Amino acid sequence: MQLSQLNLSLDRLQVAVALLTFIAVGLLTVLIYAGASRYRLAFLRRAAAALKYNFIVADPKTLFVVSITLLVALGTIATVFFGPLGTIAAAFIATIGPRVGISLCARRRTARFVYQLPDALLALASALRAGSNLSKGLELLATRQPPPLGQEFRIVLAEYRVGRQLADSLEDLRKRMRTPELDLMNTALKVSRRVGGNLADTLESLARTLQEKAHIEGKIDALTSMGRAQGWVVGLLPVFVGLMLYRQQPERMSLLFTQWYGWVVLAVIATMMAGAAWMIHKIVAIDV
């Protein structure tokens, strides 16, 4: 009788454990699905905004699929060759890869805009000398200048035509592009409106100044290119060396991730590498 009761209790315990396991798996699945859905929506929202602001013709959903594909492919390769550490690195790269790509496209577009701006200001000054007003001169820039400058000034003109103040539209242009050159242009236009004067001469002088600034920045970039390359090498070399050592000596290298003193060593290494990267960036980042 006692044996049968014990068996019944064990059966009930097994049923309870199985039920709790099923509930836990279900809750974990729901949480994973909810987290994945939120991540997808946030990714699509940010990607759509970034693509729209930078006039990049691409589908955010396609970009999300590419990101997931990179995650699976890089994660599989890294797991086979480098183990769990490679999986974490691959997941990190696949997660930030699309954002870095969009950011690089935005920087290149901004650089092209800054490169086109002096010639556009000279053209605007010539239009003002020919008798056109400021809105007509900006319309000339919007129709005849290549992208991205023509695209941005078309947005400014579209907002101006629906009744918005030109100064507000130019201020939004500055916020979108985030370049000090537009700060100088907007300041010159505001000063000319308040105190008067020859706006064409002001814009021409500003254009010459921006051309000289671009010339000096080009020389600085050429002189500091070796320092930036050394910074990348110094920053990435320890990572690759660590991955190779982990592949050759996984038992010894695993102590860095399983023991407290290993975490201390990693923290010291990360702090020193971050400090070195910051110092190199300060040395080669010369503001004109």
C-alpha atoms as a PDB file:
ATOM      1  CA  MET A   1       0.000   0.000   0.000  1.00  0.00           C
ATOM      2  CA  GLN A   2       2.789   2.390   0.903  1.00  0.00           C
ATOM      3  CA  LEU A   3       4.674   1.430  -2.280  1.00  0.00           C
ATOM      4  CA  SER A   4       1.654   2.212  -4.433  1.00  0.00           C
ATOM      5  CA  GLN A   5       1.192   5.562  -2.678  1.00  0.00           C
ATOM      6  CA  LEU A   6       4.881   6.324  -3.221  1.00  0.00           C
ATOM      7  CA  ASN A   7       4.584   5.477  -6.906  1.00  0.00           C
ATOM      8  CA  LEU A   8       1.457   7.661  -7.146  1.00  0.00           C
ATOM      9  CA  SER A   9       3.317  10.531  -5.486  1.00  0.00           C
ATOM     10  CA  LEU A  10       6.242  10.108  -7.875  1.00  0.00           C
ATOM     11  CA  ASP A  11       3.864  10.077 -10.828  1.00  0.00           C
ATOM     12  CA  ARG A  12       2.206  13.251  -9.603  1.00  0.00           C
ATOM     13  CA  LEU A  13       5.601  14.847  -9.042  1.00  0.00           C
ATOM     14  CA  GLN A  14       6.689  13.933 -12.558  1.00  0.00           C
ATOM     15  CA  VAL A  15       3.466  15.371 -13.959  1.00  0.00           C
ATOM     16  CA  ALA A  16       3.951  18.557 -11.944  1.00  0.00           C
ATOM     17  CA  VAL A  17       7.566  18.878 -13.099  1.00  0.00           C
ATOM     18  CA  ALA A  18       6.556  18.262 -16.715  1.00  0.00           C
ATOM     19  CA  LEU A  19       3.740  20.822 -16.420  1.00  0.00           C
ATOM     20  CA  LEU A  20       6.053  23.425 -14.874  1.00  0.00           C
ATOM     21  CA  THR A  21       8.664  22.729 -17.563  1.00  0.00           C
ATOM     22  CA  PHE A  22       6.041  23.146 -20.269  1.00  0.00           C
ATOM     23  CA  ILE A  23       4.859  26.426 -18.729  1.00  0.00           C
ATOM     24  CA  ALA A  24       8.435  27.694 -18.371  1.00  0.00           C
ATOM     25  CA  VAL A  25       9.239  26.817 -21.980  1.00  0.00           C
ATOM     26  CA  GLY A  26       6.039  28.495 -23.120  1.00  0.00           C
ATOM     27  CA  LEU A  27       6.767  31.662 -21.148  1.00  0.00           C
ATOM     28  CA  LEU A  28      10.347  31.714 -22.426  1.00  0.00           C
ATOM     29  CA  THR A  29       9.105  31.326 -25.986  1.00  0.00           C
ATOM     30  CA  VAL A  30       6.613  34.160 -25.517  1.00  0.00           C
ATOM     31  CA  LEU A  31       9.285  36.404 -24.017  1.00  0.00           C
ATOM     32  CA  ILE A  32      11.726  35.631 -26.825  1.00  0.00           C
ATOM     33  CA  TYR A  33       9.047  36.275 -29.451  1.00  0.00           C
ATOM     34  CA  ALA A  34       8.017  39.537 -27.783  1.00  0.00           C
ATOM     35  CA  GLY A  35      11.620  40.688 -27.508  1.00  0.00           C
ATOM     36  CA  ALA A  36      12.329  39.760 -31.122  1.00  0.00           C
ATOM     37  CA  SER A  37       9.195  41.593 -32.272  1.00  0.00           C
ATOM     38  CA  ARG A  38      10.140  44.733 -30.332  1.00  0.00           C
ATOM     39  CA  TYR A  39      13.675  44.594 -31.682  1.00  0.00           C
ATOM     40  CA  ARG A  40      12.347  44.202 -35.236  1.00  0.00           C
ATOM     41  CA  LEU A  41       9.972  47.149 -34.891  1.00  0.00           C
ATOM     42  CA  ALA A  42      12.667  49.347 -33.341  1.00  0.00           C
ATOM     43  CA  PHE A  43      15.163  48.317 -36.022  1.00  0.00           C
ATOM     44  CA  LEU A  44      12.716  49.042 -38.847  1.00  0.00           C
ATOM     45  CA  ARG A  45      11.746  52.410 -37.342  1.00  0.00           C
ATOM     46  CA  ARG A  46      15.326  53.586 -36.903  1.00  0.00           C
ATOM     47  CA  ALA A  47      16.433  52.217 -40.262  1.00  0.00           C
ATOM     48  CA  ALA A  48      13.502  53.817 -42.105  1.00  0.00           C
ATOM     49  CA  ALA A  49      14.229  57.213 -40.525  1.00  0.00           C
ATOM     50  CA  ALA A  50      17.946  56.995 -41.278  1.00  0.00           C
ATOM     51  CA  LEU A  51      17.370  55.890 -44.870  1.00  0.00           C
ATOM     52  CA  LYS A  52      14.818  58.648 -45.414  1.00  0.00           C
ATOM     53  CA  TYR A  53      17.018  61.420 -44.023  1.00  0.00           C
ATOM     54  CA  ASN A  54      19.988  60.293 -46.109  1.00  0.00           C
ATOM     55  CA  PHE A  55      18.026  59.685 -49.346  1.00  0.00           C
ATOM     56  CA  ILE A  56      19.127  56.050 -49.477  1.00  0.00           C
ATOM     57  CA  VAL A  57      16.837  53.948 -51.650  1.00  0.00           C
ATOM     58  CA  ALA A  58      16.544  50.712 -49.671  1.00  0.00           C
ATOM     59  CA  ASP A  59      13.860  48.690 -47.926  1.00  0.00           C
ATOM     60  CA  PRO A  60      14.237  48.530 -44.122  1.00  0.00           C
ATOM     61  CA  LYS A  61      12.730  45.026 -44.121  1.00  0.00           C
ATOM     62  CA  THR A  62      15.402  43.844 -46.549  1.00  0.00           C
ATOM     63  CA  LEU A  63      18.041  45.414 -44.334  1.00  0.00           C
ATOM     64  CA  PHE A  64      16.609  43.538 -41.341  1.00  0.00           C
ATOM     65  CA  VAL A  65      16.714  40.233 -43.243  1.00  0.00           C
ATOM     66  CA  VAL A  66      20.329  40.910 -44.225  1.00  0.00           C
ATOM     67  CA  SER A  67      21.153  41.613 -40.581  1.00  0.00           C
ATOM     68  CA  ILE A  68      19.597  38.333 -39.417  1.00  0.00           C
ATOM     69  CA  THR A  69      21.333  36.426 -42.232  1.00  0.00           C
ATOM     70  CA  LEU A  70      24.679  37.906 -41.217  1.00  0.00           C
ATOM     71  CA  LEU A  71      23.965  36.977 -37.605  1.00  0.00           C
ATOM     72  CA  VAL A  72      23.276  33.339 -38.490  1.00  0.00           C
ATOM     73  CA  ALA A  73      26.149  33.010 -40.988  1.00  0.00           C
ATOM     74  CA  LEU A  74      28.796  34.773 -38.933  1.00  0.00           C
ATOM     75  CA  GLY A  75      27.598  33.091 -35.737  1.00  0.00           C
ATOM     76  CA  THR A  76      27.907  29.632 -37.283  1.00  0.00           C
ATOM     77  CA  ILE A  77      31.367  30.281 -38.725  1.00  0.00           C
ATOM     78  CA  ALA A  78      32.636  31.890 -35.537  1.00  0.00           C
ATOM     79  CA  THR A  79      31.272  29.061 -33.381  1.00  0.00           C
ATOM     80  CA  VAL A  80      33.034  26.441 -35.493  1.00  0.00           C
ATOM     81  CA  PHE A  81      36.400  28.201 -35.556  1.00  0.00           C
ATOM     82  CA  PHE A  82      36.537  30.223 -32.331  1.00  0.00           C
ATOM     83  CA  GLY A  83      33.933  28.766 -29.987  1.00  0.00           C
ATOM     84  CA  PRO A  84      31.589  30.757 -27.715  1.00  0.00           C
ATOM     85  CA  LEU A  85      33.803  33.864 -27.741  1.00  0.00           C
ATOM     86  CA  GLY A  86      33.577  34.040 -31.519  1.00  0.00           C
ATOM     87  CA  THR A  87      29.808  33.629 -31.328  1.00  0.00           C
ATOM     88  CA  ILE A  88      29.509  36.657 -29.041  1.00  0.00           C
ATOM     89  CA  ALA A  89      31.775  38.717 -31.310  1.00  0.00           C
ATOM     90  CA  ALA A  90      29.838  37.664 -34.415  1.00  0.00           C
ATOM     91  CA  ALA A  91      26.510  38.536 -32.801  1.00  0.00           C
ATOM     92  CA  PHE A  92      27.848  41.954 -31.841  1.00  0.00           C
ATOM     93  CA  ILE A  93      29.171  42.614 -35.361  1.00  0.00           C
ATOM     94  CA  ALA A  94      25.946  41.457 -37.038  1.00  0.00           C
ATOM     95  CA  THR A  95      23.852  43.595 -34.680  1.00  0.00           C
ATOM     96  CA  ILE A  96      25.715  46.859 -35.170  1.00  0.00           C
ATOM     97  CA  GLY A  97      26.750  46.191 -38.780  1.00  0.00           C
ATOM     98  CA  PRO A  98      23.683  47.728 -40.493  1.00  0.00           C
ATOM     99  CA  ARG A  99      23.758  50.773 -38.203  1.00  0.00           C
ATOM    100  CA  VAL A 100      27.447  51.323 -38.908  1.00  0.00           C
ATOM    101  CA  GLY A 101      26.770  50.977 -42.637  1.00  0.00           C
ATOM    102  CA  ILE A 102      24.012  53.590 -42.552  1.00  0.00           C
ATOM    103  CA  SER A 103      26.192  55.865 -40.429  1.00  0.00           C
ATOM    104  CA  LEU A 104      29.044  55.590 -42.926  1.00  0.00           C
ATOM    105  CA  CYS A 105      26.675  56.417 -45.798  1.00  0.00           C
ATOM    106  CA  ALA A 106      25.429  59.449 -43.852  1.00  0.00           C
ATOM    107  CA  ARG A 107      28.994  60.649 -43.222  1.00  0.00           C
ATOM    108  CA  ARG A 108      29.917  60.278 -46.880  1.00  0.00           C
ATOM    109  CA  ARG A 109      26.812  62.179 -47.893  1.00  0.00           C
ATOM    110  CA  THR A 110      27.623  64.944 -45.426  1.00  0.00           C
ATOM    111  CA  ALA A 111      31.194  65.108 -46.731  1.00  0.00           C
ATOM    112  CA  ARG A 112      29.892  65.473 -50.310  1.00  0.00           C
ATOM    113  CA  PHE A 113      27.524  68.211 -49.149  1.00  0.00           C
ATOM    114  CA  VAL A 114      30.369  70.134 -47.499  1.00  0.00           C
ATOM    115  CA  TYR A 115      32.507  69.684 -50.627  1.00  0.00           C
ATOM    116  CA  GLN A 116      29.731  71.142 -52.825  1.00  0.00           C
ATOM    117  CA  LEU A 117      28.804  74.010 -50.499  1.00  0.00           C
ATOM    118  CA  PRO A 118      31.542  76.553 -51.453  1.00  0.00           C
ATOM    119  CA  ASP A 119      30.721  76.319 -55.172  1.00  0.00           C
ATOM    120  CA  ALA A 120      27.021  76.587 -54.342  1.00  0.00           C
ATOM    121  CA  LEU A 121      27.626  79.741 -52.294  1.00  0.00           C
ATOM    122  CA  LEU A 122      29.603  81.263 -55.157  1.00  0.00           C
ATOM    123  CA  ALA A 123      26.741  80.457 -57.512  1.00  0.00           C
ATOM    124  CA  LEU A 124      24.270  81.995 -55.069  1.00  0.00           C
ATOM    125  CA  ALA A 125      26.399  85.149 -54.805  1.00  0.00           C
ATOM    126  CA  SER A 126      26.521  85.427 -58.602  1.00  0.00           C
ATOM    127  CA  ALA A 127      22.734  85.055 -58.770  1.00  0.00           C
ATOM    128  CA  LEU A 128      22.278  87.831 -56.192  1.00  0.00           C
ATOM    129  CA  ARG A 129      24.595  90.125 -58.145  1.00  0.00           C
ATOM    130  CA  ALA A 130      22.564  89.413 -61.282  1.00  0.00           C
ATOM    131  CA  GLY A 131      19.459  90.805 -59.586  1.00  0.00           C
ATOM    132  CA  SER A 132      17.769  87.707 -58.157  1.00  0.00           C
ATOM    133  CA  ASN A 133      16.469  87.612 -54.599  1.00  0.00           C
ATOM    134  CA  LEU A 134      17.477  85.014 -52.026  1.00  0.00           C
ATOM    135  CA  SER A 135      14.580  82.633 -52.689  1.00  0.00           C
ATOM    136  CA  LYS A 136      15.258  82.656 -56.436  1.00  0.00           C
ATOM    137  CA  GLY A 137      18.930  82.010 -55.772  1.00  0.00           C
ATOM    138  CA  LEU A 138      18.121  79.049 -53.537  1.00  0.00           C
ATOM    139  CA  GLU A 139      15.776  77.732 -56.211  1.00  0.00           C
ATOM    140  CA  LEU A 140      18.689  77.908 -58.639  1.00  0.00           C
ATOM    141  CA  LEU A 141      20.791  75.834 -56.258  1.00  0.00           C
ATOM    142  CA  ALA A 142      18.002  73.312 -55.778  1.00  0.00           C
ATOM    143  CA  THR A 143      17.501  72.756 -59.518  1.00  0.00           C
ATOM    144  CA  ARG A 144      21.076  72.916 -60.822  1.00  0.00           C
ATOM    145  CA  GLN A 145      23.250  71.540 -58.050  1.00  0.00           C
ATOM    146  CA  PRO A 146      23.841  67.763 -57.892  1.00  0.00           C
ATOM    147  CA  PRO A 147      22.813  65.683 -54.892  1.00  0.00           C
ATOM    148  CA  PRO A 148      23.055  65.775 -51.963  1.00  0.00           C
ATOM    149  CA  LEU A 149      23.154  69.590 -51.908  1.00  0.00           C
ATOM    150  CA  GLY A 150      20.372  69.938 -54.467  1.00  0.00           C
ATOM    151  CA  GLN A 151      18.199  67.479 -52.553  1.00  0.00           C
ATOM    152  CA  GLU A 152      18.561  69.340 -49.270  1.00  0.00           C
ATOM    153  CA  PHE A 153      17.821  72.746 -50.771  1.00  0.00           C
ATOM    154  CA  ARG A 154      14.765  71.325 -52.524  1.00  0.00           C
ATOM    155  CA  ILE A 155      13.450  70.389 -49.083  1.00  0.00           C
ATOM    156  CA  VAL A 156      14.165  73.934 -47.864  1.00  0.00           C
ATOM    157  CA  LEU A 157      12.299  75.443 -50.824  1.00  0.00           C
ATOM    158  CA  ALA A 158       9.369  73.062 -50.434  1.00  0.00           C
ATOM    159  CA  GLU A 159       8.955  74.128 -46.799  1.00  0.00           C
ATOM    160  CA  TYR A 160       9.324  77.798 -47.744  1.00  0.00           C
ATOM    161  CA  ARG A 161       6.642  77.547 -50.414  1.00  0.00           C
ATOM    162  CA  VAL A 162       4.086  76.150 -47.972  1.00  0.00           C
ATOM    163  CA  GLY A 163       4.515  79.188 -45.719  1.00  0.00           C
ATOM    164  CA  ARG A 164       7.365  78.342 -43.391  1.00  0.00           C
ATOM    165  CA  GLN A 165      10.019  80.913 -42.556  1.00  0.00           C
ATOM    166  CA  LEU A 166      13.181  80.510 -44.595  1.00  0.00           C
ATOM    167  CA  ALA A 167      15.349  80.897 -41.485  1.00  0.00           C
ATOM    168  CA  ASP A 168      13.537  77.990 -39.790  1.00  0.00           C
ATOM    169  CA  SER A 169      13.967  75.767 -42.847  1.00  0.00           C
ATOM    170  CA  LEU A 170      17.680  76.569 -43.010  1.00  0.00           C
ATOM    171  CA  GLU A 171      17.980  75.834 -39.297  1.00  0.00           C
ATOM    172  CA  ASP A 172      16.401  72.397 -39.864  1.00  0.00           C
ATOM    173  CA  LEU A 173      18.884  71.870 -42.699  1.00  0.00           C
ATOM    174  CA  ARG A 174      21.708  72.569 -40.256  1.00  0.00           C
ATOM    175  CA  LYS A 175      20.271  70.064 -37.771  1.00  0.00           C
ATOM    176  CA  ARG A 176      19.971  67.392 -40.462  1.00  0.00           C
ATOM    177  CA  MET A 177      23.493  67.799 -41.826  1.00  0.00           C
ATOM    178  CA  ARG A 178      25.243  68.756 -38.543  1.00  0.00           C
ATOM    179  CA  THR A 179      28.124  70.627 -40.145  1.00  0.00           C
ATOM    180  CA  PRO A 180      29.798  73.823 -38.887  1.00  0.00           C
ATOM    181  CA  GLU A 181      29.819  75.165 -42.454  1.00  0.00           C
ATOM    182  CA  LEU A 182      26.051  75.526 -42.339  1.00  0.00           C
ATOM    183  CA  ASP A 183      26.371  77.357 -39.025  1.00  0.00           C
ATOM    184  CA  LEU A 184      28.540  79.937 -40.778  1.00  0.00           C
ATOM    185  CA  MET A 185      26.113  80.213 -43.704  1.00  0.00           C
ATOM    186  CA  ASN A 186      23.055  80.653 -41.479  1.00  0.00           C
ATOM    187  CA  THR A 187      24.895  83.216 -39.344  1.00  0.00           C
ATOM    188  CA  ALA A 188      25.900  85.181 -42.434  1.00  0.00           C
ATOM    189  CA  LEU A 189      22.296  85.221 -43.696  1.00  0.00           C
ATOM    190  CA  LYS A 190      20.921  86.287 -40.293  1.00  0.00           C
ATOM    191  CA  VAL A 191      23.472  89.083 -39.899  1.00  0.00           C
ATOM    192  CA  SER A 192      22.817  90.311 -43.429  1.00  0.00           C
ATOM    193  CA  ARG A 193      19.075  90.441 -42.782  1.00  0.00           C
ATOM    194  CA  ARG A 194      19.426  92.304 -39.485  1.00  0.00           C
ATOM    195  CA  VAL A 195      22.127  94.856 -40.242  1.00  0.00           C
ATOM    196  CA  GLY A 196      21.965  94.943 -44.036  1.00  0.00           C
ATOM    197  CA  GLY A 197      24.963  95.045 -46.340  1.00  0.00           C
ATOM    198  CA  ASN A 198      25.940  93.300 -49.521  1.00  0.00           C
ATOM    199  CA  LEU A 199      24.901  89.674 -49.077  1.00  0.00           C
ATOM    200  CA  ALA A 200      26.644  88.625 -52.303  1.00  0.00           C
ATOM    201  CA  ASP A 201      30.029  89.803 -51.016  1.00  0.00           C
ATOM    202  CA  THR A 202      29.423  88.098 -47.682  1.00  0.00           C
ATOM    203  CA  LEU A 203      28.567  84.774 -49.334  1.00  0.00           C
ATOM    204  CA  GLU A 204      31.541  85.018 -51.675  1.00  0.00           C
ATOM    205  CA  SER A 205      33.886  85.710 -48.769  1.00  0.00           C
ATOM    206  CA  LEU A 206      32.368  82.774 -46.863  1.00  0.00           C
ATOM    207  CA  ALA A 207      32.827  80.501 -49.880  1.00  0.00           C
ATOM    208  CA  ARG A 208      36.504  81.444 -50.151  1.00  0.00           C
ATOM    209  CA  THR A 209      36.940  80.799 -46.440  1.00  0.00           C
ATOM    210  CA  LEU A 210      35.313  77.358 -46.724  1.00  0.00           C
ATOM    211  CA  GLN A 211      37.534  76.495 -49.680  1.00  0.00           C
ATOM    212  CA  GLU A 212      40.635  77.381 -47.678  1.00  0.00           C
ATOM    213  CA  LYS A 213      39.294  75.404 -44.731  1.00  0.00           C
ATOM    214  CA  ALA A 214      38.699  72.349 -46.925  1.00  0.00           C
ATOM    215  CA  HIS A 215      42.212  72.696 -48.376  1.00  0.00           C
ATOM    216  CA  ILE A 216      43.794  72.775 -44.911  1.00  0.00           C
ATOM    217  CA  GLU A 217      41.648  69.864 -43.693  1.00  0.00           C
ATOM    218  CA  GLY A 218      42.745  67.823 -46.717  1.00  0.00           C
ATOM    219  CA  LYS A 219      46.386  68.395 -45.821  1.00  0.00           C
ATOM    220  CA  ILE A 220      45.724  67.454 -42.207  1.00  0.00           C
ATOM    221  CA  ASP A 221      43.923  64.251 -43.230  1.00  0.00           C
ATOM    222  CA  ALA A 222      46.844  63.291 -45.450  1.00  0.00           C
ATOM    223  CA  LEU A 223      49.389  63.933 -42.695  1.00  0.00           C
ATOM    224  CA  THR A 224      47.424  62.071 -40.010  1.00  0.00           C
ATOM    225  CA  SER A 225      46.347  59.094 -42.141  1.00  0.00           C
ATOM    226  CA  MET A 226      49.268  57.000 -40.889  1.00  0.00           C
ATOM    227  CA  GLY A 227      48.326  57.740 -37.280  1.00  0.00           C
ATOM    228  CA  ARG A 228      44.721  56.670 -37.871  1.00  0.00           C
ATOM    229  CA  ALA A 229      45.891  53.445 -39.536  1.00  0.00           C
ATOM    230  CA  GLN A 230      48.176  52.725 -36.585  1.00  0.00           C
ATOM    231  CA  GLY A 231      45.247  53.323 -34.245  1.00  0.00           C
ATOM    232  CA  TRP A 232      43.156  50.707 -36.058  1.00  0.00           C
ATOM    233  CA  VAL A 233      46.029  48.219 -35.999  1.00  0.00           C
ATOM    234  CA  VAL A 234      46.705  48.799 -32.298  1.00  0.00           C
ATOM    235  CA  GLY A 235      43.011  48.436 -31.499  1.00  0.00           C
ATOM    236  CA  LEU A 236      42.259  45.325 -33.568  1.00  0.00           C
ATOM    237  CA  LEU A 237      45.504  43.379 -33.185  1.00  0.00           C
ATOM    238  CA  PRO A 238      44.898  42.291 -29.535  1.00  0.00           C
ATOM    239  CA  VAL A 239      41.430  41.068 -30.479  1.00  0.00           C
ATOM    240  CA  PHE A 240      42.712  38.825 -33.273  1.00  0.00           C
ATOM    241  CA  VAL A 241      45.616  37.607 -31.147  1.00  0.00           C
ATOM    242  CA  GLY A 242      43.197  36.736 -28.343  1.00  0.00           C
ATOM    243  CA  LEU A 243      40.942  34.796 -30.726  1.00  0.00           C
ATOM    244  CA  MET A 244      43.866  32.815 -32.115  1.00  0.00           C
ATOM    245  CA  LEU A 245      45.174  32.026 -28.629  1.00  0.00           C
ATOM    246  CA  TYR A 246      41.689  30.950 -27.567  1.00  0.00           C
ATOM    247  CA  ARG A 247      41.554  28.575 -30.518  1.00  0.00           C
ATOM    248  CA  GLN A 248      44.996  27.112 -29.791  1.00  0.00           C
ATOM    249  CA  GLN A 249      44.728  26.976 -25.970  1.00  0.00           C
ATOM    250  CA  PRO A 250      41.015  26.961 -25.128  1.00  0.00           C
ATOM    251  CA  GLU A 251      41.469  25.534 -21.617  1.00  0.00           C
ATOM    252  CA  ARG A 252      43.965  28.166 -20.500  1.00  0.00           C
ATOM    253  CA  MET A 253      42.249  31.056 -22.256  1.00  0.00           C
ATOM    254  CA  SER A 254      38.880  30.041 -20.814  1.00  0.00           C
ATOM    255  CA  LEU A 255      40.175  31.102 -17.393  1.00  0.00           C
ATOM    256  CA  LEU A 256      39.753  34.700 -18.540  1.00  0.00           C
ATOM    257  CA  PHE A 257      35.980  34.140 -18.666  1.00  0.00           C
ATOM    258  CA  THR A 258      35.434  31.685 -15.832  1.00  0.00           C
ATOM    259  CA  GLN A 259      37.565  33.071 -12.986  1.00  0.00           C
ATOM    260  CA  TRP A 260      37.319  36.380 -11.180  1.00  0.00           C
ATOM    261  CA  TYR A 261      40.940  37.282 -11.819  1.00  0.00           C
ATOM    262  CA  GLY A 262      40.342  36.647 -15.523  1.00  0.00           C
ATOM    263  CA  TRP A 263      37.576  39.255 -15.535  1.00  0.00           C
ATOM    264  CA  VAL A 264      39.906  41.657 -13.750  1.00  0.00           C
ATOM    265  CA  VAL A 265      42.548  41.130 -16.446  1.00  0.00           C
ATOM    266  CA  LEU A 266      39.959  41.692 -19.189  1.00  0.00           C
ATOM    267  CA  ALA A 267      38.755  44.871 -17.491  1.00  0.00           C
ATOM    268  CA  VAL A 268      42.336  46.198 -17.259  1.00  0.00           C
ATOM    269  CA  ILE A 269      42.987  45.328 -20.919  1.00  0.00           C
ATOM    270  CA  ALA A 270      39.756  46.978 -22.058  1.00  0.00           C
ATOM    271  CA  THR A 271      40.526  50.108 -20.021  1.00  0.00           C
ATOM    272  CA  MET A 272      44.034  50.395 -21.421  1.00  0.00           C
ATOM    273  CA  MET A 273      42.861  49.833 -25.002  1.00  0.00           C
ATOM    274  CA  ALA A 274      40.098  52.411 -24.601  1.00  0.00           C
ATOM    275  CA  GLY A 275      42.595  54.907 -23.188  1.00  0.00           C
ATOM    276  CA  ALA A 276      45.021  54.261 -26.050  1.00  0.00           C
ATOM    277  CA  ALA A 277      42.259  54.677 -28.634  1.00  0.00           C
ATOM    278  CA  TRP A 278      41.154  57.925 -26.997  1.00  0.00           C
ATOM    279  CA  MET A 279      44.688  59.299 -26.961  1.00  0.00           C
ATOM    280  CA  ILE A 280      45.289  58.400 -30.616  1.00  0.00           C
ATOM    281  CA  HIS A 281      41.966  59.991 -31.568  1.00  0.00           C
ATOM    282  CA  LYS A 282      42.880  63.186 -29.704  1.00  0.00           C
ATOM    283  CA  ILE A 283      46.265  63.298 -31.430  1.00  0.00           C
ATOM    284  CA  VAL A 284      44.987  62.859 -35.000  1.00  0.00           C
ATOM    285  CA  ALA A 285      41.675  64.774 -34.610  1.00  0.00           C
ATOM    286  CA  ILE A 286      42.856  68.312 -35.381  1.00  0.00           C
ATOM    287  CA  ASP A 287      40.070  70.848 -35.548  1.00  0.00           C
ATOM    288  CA  VAL A 288      40.434  73.675 -38.055  1.00  0.00           C
END
